Amino acid sequence: MRTDKIDNRFEVESAQAALEMVMQQGAQACRVTMNFGIQNSFSALDGNLENLQNANDRNLYIQIISNGRYGAYSTNRLNKDELQKFIKEALQTNGYLTPDNARTLPPKELCWFGKEDNLEQYDNYILEMDPARKKEIAFEVMEEIYGKNKKIVSVNTEYGDMLDYQYMIDSQGFEGDSLQSNFTVSAECSVKGRGKARSEGWWYESSLHYKDFIYKGCGEKALERALEKLNPKEMGSGTFNMVLDNTCSSRIVSPIFQALNGSNIQQRNSFLLNKLGKKVFSEKFTLADKPHWKGMSGSRYFDGDGIATKPMDIIRNGKVETYFINTYSANKMGVSPTVESASVPHFVLDEFPDELRNLNHNDMMKLLGKGILVTGFNGGNCNGLTGDFSYGIEGFYFENGEILFPVREMNISGNIVSLWNNLAMVGNDARTCSRWLIPSLAFENVDFTGIL
């Protein structure tokens, strides 16, 4: 385990002791997860320090299977005597629960028992960084824009960092851990429009490693995005080309992951029910998972059940290649479990010619000529059973590849399957500060509802 990066002996020994106690007291199976985290934040509002926070937290999470009954319990009281008492009471409580034979540990042969390579997710500088420097960063971003434009109403900036360590062990012999750091800065501002109108803009940057942490310009970007949205125009309903920029494109990918979720499949509440191995979407749509991608925040060797992750296709040329089924749902369905969720989903551009493999949203607008660039969503939902959706959007109308004006009070509606069959282009500009690497996306023939 990771003794070369942080001193994790307490976490490891506590988890191992808890597992031994549970099994000695008669449980048939058990999984113990130990979490240790440190969080810091410094926020500034309109030139003044508004809030600072430091939090250290340890938590022991125990999943017990005893006489066909399953219970989950957590505590942060880790003294040996207190832990012994806690586990005894947990096992007594477990005896009152209704038996559930679907609650088991995963098949041992599917679990991860490999030798881990460094996923390059941790920077020890997080423990060495001077708190004064953290405050400085929040104010440096603030000073980029505060008082620099007469239209500004308010500016809020924040620096934050996080260390997260997790150690997991179970009664089948599985043992694994993960360690990750994160450095983040964000900026929000509001500006005056006509009359009482206000426009808001935001931006953030995040990195696992401080050397890759680019915070300069974050405030300027937030102000730029706020000013761009001033004085929006109303538009009538119609069918338009749509470009989604990479800050919001995950919104229309999310319903697909929900539909692939084993719990929704098992409950028959998915528009992708019985679609495994079938072509559902456009041939241009290929989505894959690369869970061992070094330096990515979502990378991992095992999921929450201890099942080993592996590179795999999720959607290949429009065909559904996998469901994400955890052990509980798999037992309910009578199938073998897969991993519970994607780790680092990303688009594959094999079906596009070379000239369409390195696009951002500006390139897409030029190629489409006319349409609406969507830069954010304002509420709405997608029906998990049918795939029908309606989302409020904000963005810009463009012609000849050039933005003409911001739009307001518009919705997009339709069906997720139909939308993805109208996929026109996939960008190569996914933001690496997100766990999902979802780039800008372009679609044809999207129904927009306006108010004219």
Foldseek 3Di string as FASTA:
>chain_A
DPPPQPNCPVQVVLQVLLQVLLVVVAFPKKKKKKKWKWKWKWKAKLQHTDDIDIDIDIKIWMWTHHPQFIDIDMDRPRDPVVSSVVSVVVVVVRVPGDGDNLDDFADPVQFDPDDDDALAAADSCVVVDDPVVQNVLQVLLVVVPRVPDPFWDMKMKMKMKMWMKMWMAMPVGFTDIDIHMKIKMKMKTWGDAPDRDIFMFMFMFMFRYPVPTDSPCRNVRRVVRRVQAHPADFDAWDWFKEKEAQVAVCVLVVLVLVLLALVCLLVLQAQCNPQAQHQQFALQWWKKAQQSNGRFPLHDQAAPSRGGDHIDTCAHRRGGHHGQYDSSSCSSVVHHHDHRGGRAMDTDRVPDPPVQAADGRLVVLQVRFWGWYFHDWDDWDARRNFQKTKIATWTFTGGNSHTDGIHHDKMWTDGSSVFRNQWDGAHPDFRRSDRYRGGMTIGGGIIMHTDD
